[in-house]
C-alpha cells in the first residue's frame, strides 16, 4: 500500500514541478489511482475472507506488472509533431 501511495505522490510531484501542460500531465491526465483503495479493502477483508483478500492483492500485483503505455505514446506523438 505504501508503494502505491509513493507512486501517486511521485506522479503528482512531477506534474506540479513540470506544470499542467507537460507531457507527463498530458499522458496521465486525471488518472485515478485505485491501488491504495484496493489495498485498504484487502486489509479489511483479511480477517474474515482471506481468499478474497489474496485475490485483491493478486489483482493489484497484476495491474503493476502491465506497463502503462500512455507516457511512451504521448512522447512518441510529440516527437512526430516536432
N, C-alpha and C. Protein backbone atom coordinates (compact mmCIF):
# COMPACT_ATOMS: atom_id res chain seq x y z
N UNK A 1 0.83 -1.19 0.00
CA UNK A 1 0.00 0.00 0.00
C UNK A 1 0.87 1.26 0.00
N UNK A 2 1.97 1.20 0.73
CA UNK A 2 2.85 2.37 0.78
C UNK A 2 3.52 2.61 -0.57
N UNK A 3 3.82 1.54 -1.32
CA UNK A 3 4.40 1.71 -2.65
C UNK A 3 3.41 2.39 -3.58
N UNK A 4 2.14 2.04 -3.48
CA UNK A 4 1.11 2.67 -4.31
C UNK A 4 0.97 4.15 -3.95
N UNK A 5 1.00 4.46 -2.68
CA UNK A 5 0.93 5.86 -2.26
C UNK A 5 2.16 6.64 -2.70
N UNK A 6 3.33 6.02 -2.59
CA UNK A 6 4.57 6.68 -3.02
C UNK A 6 4.54 6.96 -4.52
N UNK A 7 4.02 6.02 -5.30
CA UNK A 7 3.91 6.20 -6.74
C UNK A 7 2.97 7.36 -7.07
N UNK A 8 1.86 7.44 -6.36
CA UNK A 8 0.90 8.53 -6.57
C UNK A 8 1.54 9.88 -6.22
N UNK A 9 2.25 9.93 -5.09
CA UNK A 9 2.92 11.17 -4.68
C UNK A 9 3.97 11.57 -5.72
N UNK A 10 4.72 10.60 -6.24
CA UNK A 10 5.73 10.88 -7.26
C UNK A 10 5.10 11.50 -8.51
N UNK A 11 4.01 10.89 -8.99
CA UNK A 11 3.33 11.44 -10.18
C UNK A 11 2.86 12.86 -9.93
N UNK A 12 2.19 13.09 -8.81
CA UNK A 12 1.67 14.42 -8.50
C UNK A 12 2.79 15.44 -8.37
N UNK A 13 3.91 15.06 -7.74
CA UNK A 13 5.02 15.98 -7.56
C UNK A 13 5.66 16.33 -8.90
N UNK A 14 5.86 15.34 -9.76
CA UNK A 14 6.44 15.60 -11.08
C UNK A 14 5.53 16.49 -11.92
N UNK A 15 4.25 16.26 -11.86
CA UNK A 15 3.30 17.09 -12.63
C UNK A 15 3.30 18.51 -12.09
N UNK A 16 3.33 18.66 -10.77
CA UNK A 16 3.35 20.00 -10.18
C UNK A 16 4.63 20.73 -10.56
N UNK A 17 5.75 20.01 -10.60
CA UNK A 17 7.04 20.61 -10.94
C UNK A 17 7.11 21.01 -12.41
N UNK A 18 6.60 20.14 -13.30
CA UNK A 18 6.69 20.40 -14.73
C UNK A 18 5.56 21.27 -15.25
N UNK A 19 4.47 21.35 -14.54
CA UNK A 19 3.35 22.18 -14.96
C UNK A 19 2.24 21.35 -15.58
N UNK A 20 1.07 21.94 -15.63
CA UNK A 20 -0.13 21.24 -16.14
C UNK A 20 -0.04 20.93 -17.63
N UNK A 21 0.76 21.66 -18.38
CA UNK A 21 0.86 21.44 -19.81
C UNK A 21 1.99 20.49 -20.21
N UNK A 22 2.64 19.87 -19.24
CA UNK A 22 3.77 18.99 -19.54
C UNK A 22 3.31 17.70 -20.20
N UNK A 23 4.28 17.01 -20.81
CA UNK A 23 3.96 15.72 -21.46
C UNK A 23 3.44 14.70 -20.45
N UNK A 24 4.03 14.68 -19.26
CA UNK A 24 3.57 13.74 -18.24
C UNK A 24 2.13 14.02 -17.85
N UNK A 25 1.81 15.28 -17.69
CA UNK A 25 0.44 15.66 -17.34
C UNK A 25 -0.53 15.26 -18.45
N UNK A 26 -0.12 15.45 -19.69
CA UNK A 26 -0.98 15.05 -20.81
C UNK A 26 -1.14 13.54 -20.87
N UNK A 27 -0.09 12.82 -20.53
CA UNK A 27 -0.13 11.35 -20.62
C UNK A 27 -1.02 10.73 -19.56
N UNK A 28 -0.86 11.15 -18.33
CA UNK A 28 -1.64 10.53 -17.25
C UNK A 28 -2.97 11.23 -17.03
N UNK A 29 -3.09 12.47 -17.46
CA UNK A 29 -4.35 13.19 -17.34
C UNK A 29 -4.84 13.25 -15.90
N UNK A 30 -6.09 12.94 -15.72
CA UNK A 30 -6.68 12.93 -14.38
C UNK A 30 -6.81 11.48 -13.91
N UNK A 31 -5.72 10.76 -14.00
CA UNK A 31 -5.68 9.35 -13.64
C UNK A 31 -6.07 9.15 -12.18
N UNK A 32 -6.94 8.19 -11.94
CA UNK A 32 -7.35 7.86 -10.58
C UNK A 32 -6.60 6.59 -10.17
N UNK A 33 -5.85 6.68 -9.11
CA UNK A 33 -5.07 5.55 -8.62
C UNK A 33 -5.93 4.77 -7.63
N UNK A 34 -6.39 3.59 -8.03
CA UNK A 34 -7.26 2.80 -7.17
C UNK A 34 -6.51 1.78 -6.33
N UNK A 35 -5.20 1.68 -6.52
CA UNK A 35 -4.41 0.69 -5.78
C UNK A 35 -4.51 0.87 -4.26
N UNK A 36 -4.36 2.08 -3.71
CA UNK A 36 -4.48 2.22 -2.25
C UNK A 36 -5.87 1.81 -1.75
N UNK A 37 -6.89 2.11 -2.50
CA UNK A 37 -8.25 1.71 -2.11
C UNK A 37 -8.39 0.19 -2.10
N UNK A 38 -7.85 -0.46 -3.13
CA UNK A 38 -7.92 -1.92 -3.18
C UNK A 38 -7.10 -2.54 -2.05
N UNK A 39 -5.93 -1.98 -1.75
CA UNK A 39 -5.13 -2.48 -0.64
C UNK A 39 -5.89 -2.34 0.68
N UNK A 40 -6.53 -1.20 0.89
CA UNK A 40 -7.30 -0.97 2.11
C UNK A 40 -8.44 -1.98 2.23
N UNK A 41 -9.14 -2.23 1.13
CA UNK A 41 -10.20 -3.23 1.13
C UNK A 41 -9.66 -4.61 1.45
N UNK A 42 -8.53 -4.96 0.87
CA UNK A 42 -7.94 -6.28 1.11
C UNK A 42 -7.53 -6.44 2.57
N UNK A 43 -6.99 -5.39 3.16
CA UNK A 43 -6.61 -5.45 4.57
C UNK A 43 -7.84 -5.65 5.44
N UNK A 44 -8.91 -4.92 5.12
CA UNK A 44 -10.15 -5.07 5.89
C UNK A 44 -10.78 -6.45 5.76
N UNK A 45 -10.66 -7.06 4.62
CA UNK A 45 -11.25 -8.38 4.39
C UNK A 45 -10.39 -9.53 4.87
N UNK A 46 -9.15 -9.26 5.20
CA UNK A 46 -8.21 -10.35 5.55
C UNK A 46 -8.68 -11.15 6.75
N UNK A 47 -9.41 -10.54 7.67
CA UNK A 47 -9.83 -11.24 8.87
C UNK A 47 -10.96 -12.24 8.66
N UNK A 48 -11.83 -11.98 7.70
CA UNK A 48 -12.99 -12.87 7.54
C UNK A 48 -13.11 -13.49 6.16
N UNK A 49 -12.43 -12.96 5.18
CA UNK A 49 -12.47 -13.53 3.82
C UNK A 49 -11.05 -13.51 3.26
N UNK A 50 -10.22 -14.34 3.81
CA UNK A 50 -8.81 -14.36 3.43
C UNK A 50 -8.63 -14.63 1.95
N UNK A 51 -9.40 -15.50 1.39
CA UNK A 51 -9.26 -15.85 -0.02
C UNK A 51 -9.56 -14.62 -0.90
N UNK A 52 -10.55 -13.81 -0.51
CA UNK A 52 -10.87 -12.61 -1.28
C UNK A 52 -9.76 -11.57 -1.15
N UNK A 53 -9.17 -11.49 0.01
CA UNK A 53 -8.05 -10.58 0.23
C UNK A 53 -6.88 -10.95 -0.67
N UNK A 54 -6.59 -12.24 -0.78
CA UNK A 54 -5.50 -12.71 -1.64
C UNK A 54 -5.81 -12.41 -3.11
N UNK A 55 -7.06 -12.57 -3.50
CA UNK A 55 -7.46 -12.26 -4.88
C UNK A 55 -7.23 -10.78 -5.19
N UNK A 56 -7.60 -9.91 -4.26
CA UNK A 56 -7.41 -8.47 -4.47
C UNK A 56 -5.93 -8.12 -4.56
N UNK A 57 -5.11 -8.70 -3.67
CA UNK A 57 -3.67 -8.46 -3.73
C UNK A 57 -3.10 -8.92 -5.07
N UNK A 58 -3.58 -10.04 -5.56
CA UNK A 58 -3.11 -10.57 -6.85
C UNK A 58 -3.51 -9.64 -7.99
N UNK A 59 -4.72 -9.12 -7.96
CA UNK A 59 -5.19 -8.20 -9.00
C UNK A 59 -4.32 -6.95 -9.03
N UNK A 60 -4.03 -6.40 -7.85
CA UNK A 60 -3.20 -5.19 -7.80
C UNK A 60 -1.79 -5.49 -8.32
N UNK A 61 -1.25 -6.65 -7.96
CA UNK A 61 0.08 -7.02 -8.45
C UNK A 61 0.10 -7.14 -9.96
N UNK A 62 -0.95 -7.73 -10.52
CA UNK A 62 -1.03 -7.86 -11.98
C UNK A 62 -1.18 -6.49 -12.64
N UNK A 63 -1.91 -5.59 -12.01
CA UNK A 63 -2.04 -4.23 -12.54
C UNK A 63 -0.68 -3.55 -12.61
N UNK A 64 0.17 -3.81 -11.63
CA UNK A 64 1.51 -3.22 -11.59
C UNK A 64 2.44 -3.83 -12.62
N UNK A 65 2.22 -5.09 -12.98
CA UNK A 65 3.09 -5.76 -13.94
C UNK A 65 2.84 -5.31 -15.38
N UNK A 66 1.63 -4.90 -15.67
CA UNK A 66 1.28 -4.46 -17.02
C UNK A 66 1.78 -3.02 -17.19
N UNK A 67 2.70 -2.77 -18.11
CA UNK A 67 3.25 -1.42 -18.25
C UNK A 67 2.21 -0.43 -18.77
N UNK A 68 2.36 0.80 -18.32
CA UNK A 68 1.48 1.88 -18.75
C UNK A 68 2.07 2.50 -20.01
N UNK A 69 1.43 2.32 -21.11
CA UNK A 69 1.95 2.77 -22.41
C UNK A 69 1.58 4.23 -22.73
N UNK A 70 0.79 4.86 -21.88
CA UNK A 70 0.34 6.23 -22.19
C UNK A 70 1.49 7.22 -22.26
N UNK A 71 2.46 7.10 -21.36
CA UNK A 71 3.58 8.04 -21.35
C UNK A 71 4.43 7.87 -22.61
N UNK A 72 4.75 6.63 -22.95
CA UNK A 72 5.53 6.35 -24.15
C UNK A 72 4.79 6.83 -25.40
N UNK A 73 3.51 6.60 -25.46
CA UNK A 73 2.71 7.02 -26.61
C UNK A 73 2.69 8.54 -26.74
N UNK A 74 2.53 9.25 -25.64
CA UNK A 74 2.49 10.71 -25.66
C UNK A 74 3.82 11.29 -26.10
N UNK A 75 4.92 10.72 -25.62
CA UNK A 75 6.25 11.21 -26.01
C UNK A 75 6.51 10.97 -27.48
N UNK A 76 6.17 9.78 -27.97
CA UNK A 76 6.40 9.49 -29.40
C UNK A 76 5.54 10.37 -30.30
N UNK A 77 4.32 10.67 -29.88
CA UNK A 77 3.46 11.56 -30.67
C UNK A 77 4.00 12.99 -30.67
N UNK A 78 4.57 13.43 -29.56
CA UNK A 78 5.10 14.80 -29.53
C UNK A 78 6.37 14.91 -30.37
N UNK A 79 7.16 13.82 -30.45
CA UNK A 79 8.35 13.84 -31.28
C UNK A 79 8.00 13.86 -32.76
N UNK A 80 6.89 13.26 -33.14
CA UNK A 80 6.46 13.24 -34.54
C UNK A 80 6.02 14.63 -34.99
N UNK A 81 5.42 15.41 -34.08
CA UNK A 81 4.93 16.72 -34.45
C UNK A 81 6.04 17.76 -34.51
N UNK A 82 7.19 17.47 -33.90
CA UNK A 82 8.29 18.46 -33.90
C UNK A 82 9.10 18.39 -35.15
